[in-house]
PDB file of N, CA and C in Angstrom:
ATOM      1  N   UNK A   1       4.635   7.586  18.307  1.00  0.00           N
ATOM      2  CA  UNK A   1       5.822   8.378  18.528  1.00  0.00           C
ATOM      3  C   UNK A   1       6.308   8.895  17.178  1.00  0.00           C
ATOM      4  N   UNK A   2       6.904  10.064  17.188  1.00  0.00           N
ATOM      5  CA  UNK A   2       7.487  10.597  15.959  1.00  0.00           C
ATOM      6  C   UNK A   2       8.699  11.442  16.293  1.00  0.00           C
ATOM      7  N   UNK A   3       9.543  11.621  15.282  1.00  0.00           N
ATOM      8  CA  UNK A   3      10.701  12.497  15.432  1.00  0.00           C
ATOM      9  C   UNK A   3      10.719  13.499  14.291  1.00  0.00           C
ATOM     10  N   UNK A   4      11.350  14.650  14.532  1.00  0.00           N
ATOM     11  CA  UNK A   4      11.495  15.693  13.526  1.00  0.00           C
ATOM     12  C   UNK A   4      12.967  16.067  13.466  1.00  0.00           C
ATOM     13  N   UNK A   5      13.526  16.040  12.263  1.00  0.00           N
ATOM     14  CA  UNK A   5      14.923  16.422  12.053  1.00  0.00           C
ATOM     15  C   UNK A   5      14.986  17.413  10.906  1.00  0.00           C
ATOM     16  N   UNK A   6      15.845  18.389  11.020  1.00  0.00           N
ATOM     17  CA  UNK A   6      16.036  19.368   9.958  1.00  0.00           C
ATOM     18  C   UNK A   6      17.336  19.046   9.238  1.00  0.00           C
ATOM     19  N   UNK A   7      17.214  18.646   7.983  1.00  0.00           N
ATOM     20  CA  UNK A   7      18.361  18.354   7.134  1.00  0.00           C
ATOM     21  C   UNK A   7      18.691  19.595   6.315  1.00  0.00           C
ATOM     22  N   UNK A   8      19.724  19.497   5.475  1.00  0.00           N
ATOM     23  CA  UNK A   8      20.142  20.625   4.637  1.00  0.00           C
ATOM     24  C   UNK A   8      19.008  21.122   3.750  1.00  0.00           C
ATOM     25  N   UNK A   9      18.326  20.195   3.055  1.00  0.00           N
ATOM     26  CA  UNK A   9      17.318  20.594   2.080  1.00  0.00           C
ATOM     27  C   UNK A   9      15.903  20.128   2.405  1.00  0.00           C
ATOM     28  N   UNK A  10      15.696  19.540   3.586  1.00  0.00           N
ATOM     29  CA  UNK A  10      14.370  19.029   3.914  1.00  0.00           C
ATOM     30  C   UNK A  10      14.184  18.911   5.421  1.00  0.00           C
ATOM     31  N   UNK A  11      12.928  18.930   5.816  1.00  0.00           N
ATOM     32  CA  UNK A  11      12.556  18.550   7.175  1.00  0.00           C
ATOM     33  C   UNK A  11      12.090  17.106   7.099  1.00  0.00           C
ATOM     34  N   UNK A  12      12.630  16.244   7.969  1.00  0.00           N
ATOM     35  CA  UNK A  12      12.320  14.822   7.929  1.00  0.00           C
ATOM     36  C   UNK A  12      11.537  14.454   9.184  1.00  0.00           C
ATOM     37  N   UNK A  13      10.328  13.920   8.959  1.00  0.00           N
ATOM     38  CA  UNK A  13       9.473  13.466  10.054  1.00  0.00           C
ATOM     39  C   UNK A  13       9.372  11.949   9.950  1.00  0.00           C
ATOM     40  N   UNK A  14       9.666  11.256  11.046  1.00  0.00           N
ATOM     41  CA  UNK A  14       9.563   9.800  11.077  1.00  0.00           C
ATOM     42  C   UNK A  14       8.447   9.418  12.039  1.00  0.00           C
ATOM     43  N   UNK A  15       7.468   8.658  11.528  1.00  0.00           N
ATOM     44  CA  UNK A  15       6.341   8.193  12.329  1.00  0.00           C
ATOM     45  C   UNK A  15       6.574   6.737  12.681  1.00  0.00           C
ATOM     46  N   UNK A  16       6.596   6.432  13.978  1.00  0.00           N
ATOM     47  CA  UNK A  16       6.851   5.078  14.453  1.00  0.00           C
ATOM     48  C   UNK A  16       5.536   4.491  14.960  1.00  0.00           C
ATOM     49  N   UNK A  17       5.172   3.318  14.435  1.00  0.00           N
ATOM     50  CA  UNK A  17       3.949   2.641  14.841  1.00  0.00           C
ATOM     51  C   UNK A  17       4.188   1.954  16.181  1.00  0.00           C
ATOM     52  N   UNK A  18       3.434   2.345  17.195  1.00  0.00           N
ATOM     53  CA  UNK A  18       3.573   1.762  18.525  1.00  0.00           C
ATOM     54  C   UNK A  18       2.256   1.124  18.937  1.00  0.00           C
ATOM     55  N   UNK A  19       2.323   0.207  19.862  1.00  0.00           N
ATOM     56  CA  UNK A  19       1.103  -0.394  20.381  1.00  0.00           C
ATOM     57  C   UNK A  19       1.062  -1.879  20.116  1.00  0.00           C
ATOM     58  N   UNK A  20      -0.148  -2.400  20.126  1.00  0.00           N
ATOM     59  CA  UNK A  20      -0.337  -3.839  19.945  1.00  0.00           C
ATOM     60  C   UNK A  20      -0.040  -4.257  18.503  1.00  0.00           C
ATOM     61  N   UNK A  21       0.451  -5.492  18.373  1.00  0.00           N
ATOM     62  CA  UNK A  21       0.724  -6.046  17.042  1.00  0.00           C
ATOM     63  C   UNK A  21      -0.591  -6.229  16.295  1.00  0.00           C
ATOM     64  N   UNK A  22      -0.650  -6.214  14.994  1.00  0.00           N
ATOM     65  CA  UNK A  22       0.499  -6.105  14.096  1.00  0.00           C
ATOM     66  C   UNK A  22       0.904  -4.646  13.887  1.00  0.00           C
ATOM     67  N   UNK A  23       2.201  -4.407  13.937  1.00  0.00           N
ATOM     68  CA  UNK A  23       2.737  -3.065  13.738  1.00  0.00           C
ATOM     69  C   UNK A  23       3.178  -2.890  12.289  1.00  0.00           C
ATOM     70  N   UNK A  24       3.106  -1.674  11.825  1.00  0.00           N
ATOM     71  CA  UNK A  24       3.552  -1.339  10.472  1.00  0.00           C
ATOM     72  C   UNK A  24       4.971  -0.781  10.534  1.00  0.00           C
ATOM     73  N   UNK A  25       5.651  -0.785   9.400  1.00  0.00           N
ATOM     74  CA  UNK A  25       6.988  -0.200   9.310  1.00  0.00           C
ATOM     75  C   UNK A  25       6.909   1.313   9.519  1.00  0.00           C
ATOM     76  N   UNK A  26       8.028   1.912   9.929  1.00  0.00           N
ATOM     77  CA  UNK A  26       8.082   3.363  10.105  1.00  0.00           C
ATOM     78  C   UNK A  26       7.713   4.058   8.804  1.00  0.00           C
ATOM     79  N   UNK A  27       7.106   5.233   8.920  1.00  0.00           N
ATOM     80  CA  UNK A  27       6.791   6.081   7.776  1.00  0.00           C
ATOM     81  C   UNK A  27       7.689   7.301   7.865  1.00  0.00           C
ATOM     82  N   UNK A  28       8.360   7.623   6.771  1.00  0.00           N
ATOM     83  CA  UNK A  28       9.258   8.780   6.738  1.00  0.00           C
ATOM     84  C   UNK A  28       8.687   9.811   5.770  1.00  0.00           C
ATOM     85  N   UNK A  29       8.484  11.022   6.280  1.00  0.00           N
ATOM     86  CA  UNK A  29       7.955  12.121   5.489  1.00  0.00           C
ATOM     87  C   UNK A  29       9.080  13.136   5.305  1.00  0.00           C
ATOM     88  N   UNK A  30       9.416  13.425   4.054  1.00  0.00           N
ATOM     89  CA  UNK A  30      10.437  14.419   3.725  1.00  0.00           C
ATOM     90  C   UNK A  30       9.740  15.645   3.164  1.00  0.00           C
ATOM     91  N   UNK A  31       9.883  16.783   3.843  1.00  0.00           N
ATOM     92  CA  UNK A  31       9.254  18.023   3.402  1.00  0.00           C
ATOM     93  C   UNK A  31      10.307  18.903   2.733  1.00  0.00           C
ATOM     94  N   UNK A  32      10.204  19.016   1.423  1.00  0.00           N
ATOM     95  CA  UNK A  32      11.081  19.867   0.631  1.00  0.00           C
ATOM     96  C   UNK A  32      10.354  21.165   0.305  1.00  0.00           C
ATOM     97  N   UNK A  33      11.039  22.131  -0.271  1.00  0.00           N
ATOM     98  CA  UNK A  33      10.422  23.405  -0.636  1.00  0.00           C
ATOM     99  C   UNK A  33       9.341  23.232  -1.697  1.00  0.00           C
ATOM    100  N   UNK A  34       9.510  22.231  -2.597  1.00  0.00           N
ATOM    101  CA  UNK A  34       8.586  22.095  -3.731  1.00  0.00           C
ATOM    102  C   UNK A  34       7.658  20.885  -3.662  1.00  0.00           C
ATOM    103  N   UNK A  35       7.895  19.950  -2.733  1.00  0.00           N
ATOM    104  CA  UNK A  35       7.065  18.753  -2.649  1.00  0.00           C
ATOM    105  C   UNK A  35       7.276  18.049  -1.318  1.00  0.00           C
ATOM    106  N   UNK A  36       6.459  17.036  -1.086  1.00  0.00           N
ATOM    107  CA  UNK A  36       6.560  16.183   0.097  1.00  0.00           C
ATOM    108  C   UNK A  36       6.673  14.745  -0.400  1.00  0.00           C
ATOM    109  N   UNK A  37       7.610  13.985   0.163  1.00  0.00           N
ATOM    110  CA  UNK A  37       7.673  12.565  -0.160  1.00  0.00           C
ATOM    111  C   UNK A  37       7.327  11.762   1.089  1.00  0.00           C
ATOM    112  N   UNK A  38       6.671  10.631   0.875  1.00  0.00           N
ATOM    113  CA  UNK A  38       6.306   9.716   1.954  1.00  0.00           C
ATOM    114  C   UNK A  38       6.902   8.364   1.597  1.00  0.00           C
ATOM    115  N   UNK A  39       7.692   7.790   2.508  1.00  0.00           N
ATOM    116  CA  UNK A  39       8.381   6.525   2.252  1.00  0.00           C
ATOM    117  C   UNK A  39       8.065   5.514   3.352  1.00  0.00           C
ATOM    118  N   UNK A  40       7.981   4.243   2.957  1.00  0.00           N
ATOM    119  CA  UNK A  40       7.810   3.165   3.933  1.00  0.00           C
ATOM    120  C   UNK A  40       8.449   1.903   3.374  1.00  0.00           C
ATOM    121  N   UNK A  41       9.209   1.214   4.221  1.00  0.00           N
ATOM    122  CA  UNK A  41       9.828  -0.049   3.832  1.00  0.00           C
ATOM    123  C   UNK A  41       8.737  -1.096   3.648  1.00  0.00           C
ATOM    124  N   UNK A  42       8.828  -1.869   2.554  1.00  0.00           N
ATOM    125  CA  UNK A  42       7.878  -2.941   2.273  1.00  0.00           C
ATOM    126  C   UNK A  42       8.614  -4.271   2.383  1.00  0.00           C
ATOM    127  N   UNK A  43       8.371  -5.032   3.455  1.00  0.00           N
ATOM    128  CA  UNK A  43       9.093  -6.290   3.637  1.00  0.00           C
ATOM    129  C   UNK A  43       8.760  -7.336   2.566  1.00  0.00           C
ATOM    130  N   UNK A  44       7.607  -7.200   1.898  1.00  0.00           N
ATOM    131  CA  UNK A  44       7.250  -8.152   0.837  1.00  0.00           C
ATOM    132  C   UNK A  44       8.171  -8.031  -0.367  1.00  0.00           C
ATOM    133  N   UNK A  45       8.576  -6.792  -0.662  1.00  0.00           N
ATOM    134  CA  UNK A  45       9.453  -6.566  -1.811  1.00  0.00           C
ATOM    135  C   UNK A  45      10.891  -6.289  -1.396  1.00  0.00           C
ATOM    136  N   UNK A  46      11.120  -6.179  -0.088  1.00  0.00           N
ATOM    137  CA  UNK A  46      12.424  -5.853   0.462  1.00  0.00           C
ATOM    138  C   UNK A  46      12.938  -4.531  -0.105  1.00  0.00           C
ATOM    139  N   UNK A  47      12.013  -3.590  -0.282  1.00  0.00           N
ATOM    140  CA  UNK A  47      12.386  -2.276  -0.810  1.00  0.00           C
ATOM    141  C   UNK A  47      11.516  -1.195  -0.206  1.00  0.00           C
ATOM    142  N   UNK A  48      11.873   0.031  -0.484  1.00  0.00           N
ATOM    143  CA  UNK A  48      11.141   1.189   0.029  1.00  0.00           C
ATOM    144  C   UNK A  48      10.137   1.638  -1.028  1.00  0.00           C
ATOM    145  N   UNK A  49       8.899   1.833  -0.604  1.00  0.00           N
ATOM    146  CA  UNK A  49       7.864   2.395  -1.465  1.00  0.00           C
ATOM    147  C   UNK A  49       7.822   3.901  -1.209  1.00  0.00           C
ATOM    148  N   UNK A  50       7.747   4.702  -2.274  1.00  0.00           N
ATOM    149  CA  UNK A  50       7.787   6.153  -2.126  1.00  0.00           C
ATOM    150  C   UNK A  50       6.702   6.789  -2.974  1.00  0.00           C
ATOM    151  N   UNK A  51       6.014   7.772  -2.395  1.00  0.00           N
ATOM    152  CA  UNK A  51       5.092   8.597  -3.168  1.00  0.00           C
ATOM    153  C   UNK A  51       5.509  10.053  -3.008  1.00  0.00           C
ATOM    154  N   UNK A  52       5.213  10.854  -4.018  1.00  0.00           N
ATOM    155  CA  UNK A  52       5.527  12.274  -3.995  1.00  0.00           C
ATOM    156  C   UNK A  52       4.234  13.058  -4.135  1.00  0.00           C
ATOM    157  N   UNK A  53       4.037  14.019  -3.237  1.00  0.00           N
ATOM    158  CA  UNK A  53       2.855  14.868  -3.257  1.00  0.00           C
ATOM    159  C   UNK A  53       3.270  16.305  -3.511  1.00  0.00           C
ATOM    160  N   UNK A  54       2.491  17.006  -4.344  1.00  0.00           N
ATOM    161  CA  UNK A  54       2.730  18.441  -4.508  1.00  0.00           C
ATOM    162  C   UNK A  54       2.271  19.144  -3.238  1.00  0.00           C
ATOM    163  N   UNK A  55       2.688  20.378  -3.049  1.00  0.00           N
ATOM    164  CA  UNK A  55       2.263  21.115  -1.864  1.00  0.00           C
ATOM    165  C   UNK A  55       0.751  21.342  -1.869  1.00  0.00           C
ATOM    166  N   UNK A  56       0.148  21.480  -3.070  1.00  0.00           N
ATOM    167  CA  UNK A  56      -1.314  21.620  -3.160  1.00  0.00           C
ATOM    168  C   UNK A  56      -2.002  20.329  -2.699  1.00  0.00           C
ATOM    169  N   UNK A  57      -1.442  19.170  -3.061  1.00  0.00           N
ATOM    170  CA  UNK A  57      -2.020  17.902  -2.618  1.00  0.00           C
ATOM    171  C   UNK A  57      -1.918  17.755  -1.103  1.00  0.00           C
ATOM    172  N   UNK A  58      -0.808  18.189  -0.517  1.00  0.00           N
ATOM    173  CA  UNK A  58      -0.641  18.125   0.936  1.00  0.00           C
ATOM    174  C   UNK A  58      -1.649  19.039   1.613  1.00  0.00           C
ATOM    175  N   UNK A  59      -1.848  20.224   1.063  1.00  0.00           N
ATOM    176  CA  UNK A  59      -2.837  21.168   1.606  1.00  0.00           C
ATOM    177  C   UNK A  59      -4.229  20.540   1.585  1.00  0.00           C
ATOM    178  N   UNK A  60      -4.583  19.910   0.450  1.00  0.00           N
ATOM    179  CA  UNK A  60      -5.891  19.276   0.329  1.00  0.00           C
ATOM    180  C   UNK A  60      -6.026  18.100   1.294  1.00  0.00           C
ATOM    181  N   UNK A  61      -4.966  17.327   1.461  1.00  0.00           N
ATOM    182  CA  UNK A  61      -4.995  16.200   2.392  1.00  0.00           C
ATOM    183  C   UNK A  61      -5.212  16.683   3.817  1.00  0.00           C
ATOM    184  N   UNK A  62      -4.498  17.728   4.210  1.00  0.00           N
ATOM    185  CA  UNK A  62      -4.655  18.272   5.560  1.00  0.00           C
ATOM    186  C   UNK A  62      -6.088  18.739   5.790  1.00  0.00           C
ATOM    187  N   UNK A  63      -6.679  19.397   4.812  1.00  0.00           N
ATOM    188  CA  UNK A  63      -8.064  19.854   4.941  1.00  0.00           C
ATOM    189  C   UNK A  63      -9.022  18.671   4.993  1.00  0.00           C
ATOM    190  N   UNK A  64      -8.767  17.647   4.184  1.00  0.00           N
ATOM    191  CA  UNK A  64      -9.665  16.494   4.098  1.00  0.00           C
ATOM    192  C   UNK A  64      -9.730  15.708   5.403  1.00  0.00           C
ATOM    193  N   UNK A  65      -8.671  15.743   6.187  1.00  0.00           N
ATOM    194  CA  UNK A  65      -8.659  14.994   7.438  1.00  0.00           C
ATOM    195  C   UNK A  65      -9.696  15.511   8.427  1.00  0.00           C
ATOM    196  N   UNK A  66     -10.175  16.733   8.237  1.00  0.00           N
ATOM    197  CA  UNK A  66     -11.114  17.341   9.179  1.00  0.00           C
ATOM    198  C   UNK A  66     -12.484  17.629   8.575  1.00  0.00           C
ATOM    199  N   UNK A  67     -12.788  17.037   7.422  1.00  0.00           N
ATOM    200  CA  UNK A  67     -14.064  17.304   6.762  1.00  0.00           C
ATOM    201  C   UNK A  67     -14.901  16.031   6.655  1.00  0.00           C
ATOM    202  N   UNK A  68     -16.223  16.172   6.598  1.00  0.00           N
ATOM    203  CA  UNK A  68     -17.067  15.000   6.391  1.00  0.00           C
ATOM    204  C   UNK A  68     -16.997  14.536   4.937  1.00  0.00           C
ATOM    205  N   UNK A  69     -17.617  13.404   4.665  1.00  0.00           N
ATOM    206  CA  UNK A  69     -17.644  12.835   3.314  1.00  0.00           C
ATOM    207  C   UNK A  69     -18.186  13.859   2.324  1.00  0.00           C
ATOM    208  N   UNK A  70     -17.603  13.910   1.129  1.00  0.00           N
ATOM    209  CA  UNK A  70     -18.055  14.843   0.109  1.00  0.00           C
ATOM    210  C   UNK A  70     -16.942  15.166  -0.864  1.00  0.00           C
ATOM    211  N   UNK A  71     -17.205  16.066  -1.794  1.00  0.00           N
ATOM    212  CA  UNK A  71     -16.222  16.524  -2.779  1.00  0.00           C
ATOM    213  C   UNK A  71     -16.013  18.012  -2.542  1.00  0.00           C
ATOM    214  N   UNK A  72     -14.760  18.419  -2.455  1.00  0.00           N
ATOM    215  CA  UNK A  72     -14.434  19.792  -2.086  1.00  0.00           C
ATOM    216  C   UNK A  72     -13.383  20.372  -3.016  1.00  0.00           C
ATOM    217  N   UNK A  73     -13.337  21.702  -3.078  1.00  0.00           N
ATOM    218  CA  UNK A  73     -12.284  22.428  -3.778  1.00  0.00           C
ATOM    219  C   UNK A  73     -11.912  23.608  -2.890  1.00  0.00           C
ATOM    220  N   UNK A  74     -10.642  23.683  -2.514  1.00  0.00           N
ATOM    221  CA  UNK A  74     -10.195  24.798  -1.689  1.00  0.00           C
ATOM    222  C   UNK A  74      -9.867  25.984  -2.571  1.00  0.00           C
ATOM    223  N   UNK A  75     -10.317  27.158  -2.166  1.00  0.00           N
ATOM    224  CA  UNK A  75      -9.989  28.356  -2.933  1.00  0.00           C
ATOM    225  C   UNK A  75      -8.878  29.111  -2.226  1.00  0.00           C
ATOM    226  N   UNK A  76      -8.057  29.825  -2.997  1.00  0.00           N
ATOM    227  CA  UNK A  76      -6.962  30.591  -2.391  1.00  0.00           C
ATOM    228  C   UNK A  76      -7.504  31.666  -1.461  1.00  0.00           C
ATOM    229  N   UNK A  77      -6.733  31.970  -0.409  1.00  0.00           N
ATOM    230  CA  UNK A  77      -7.132  33.037   0.512  1.00  0.00           C
ATOM    231  C   UNK A  77      -6.929  34.387  -0.154  1.00  0.00           C
ATOM    232  N   UNK A  78      -7.869  35.275   0.091  1.00  0.00           N
ATOM    233  CA  UNK A  78      -7.807  36.602  -0.537  1.00  0.00           C
ATOM    234  C   UNK A  78      -6.826  37.499   0.155  1.00  0.00           C
TER     235      UNK A  78
END
C-alpha cells in the first residue's frame, strides 16, 4: 500500500510494508524540484535514516529496475 500527498514544496510518497512478518518500517519518499530524499525509521538507532538522490540518480535507478545485469550510461534525448 502507498499514499501520495502534495505538500507546499514536495510530493510525499509513503510506502507501507504489508503482508507476512517480518515487516519493515514505512519508507517515505520526498520529491523536491532539485532532489529526492528517501527516509526510513531505524528501530536499532531510534532515529530516521535518510538518503538524498539527485534527479539524475533517480532517472538511472528507474531505468535500472527494468534492465538485465550490466553497466549502462543513459544519454540525453535528442
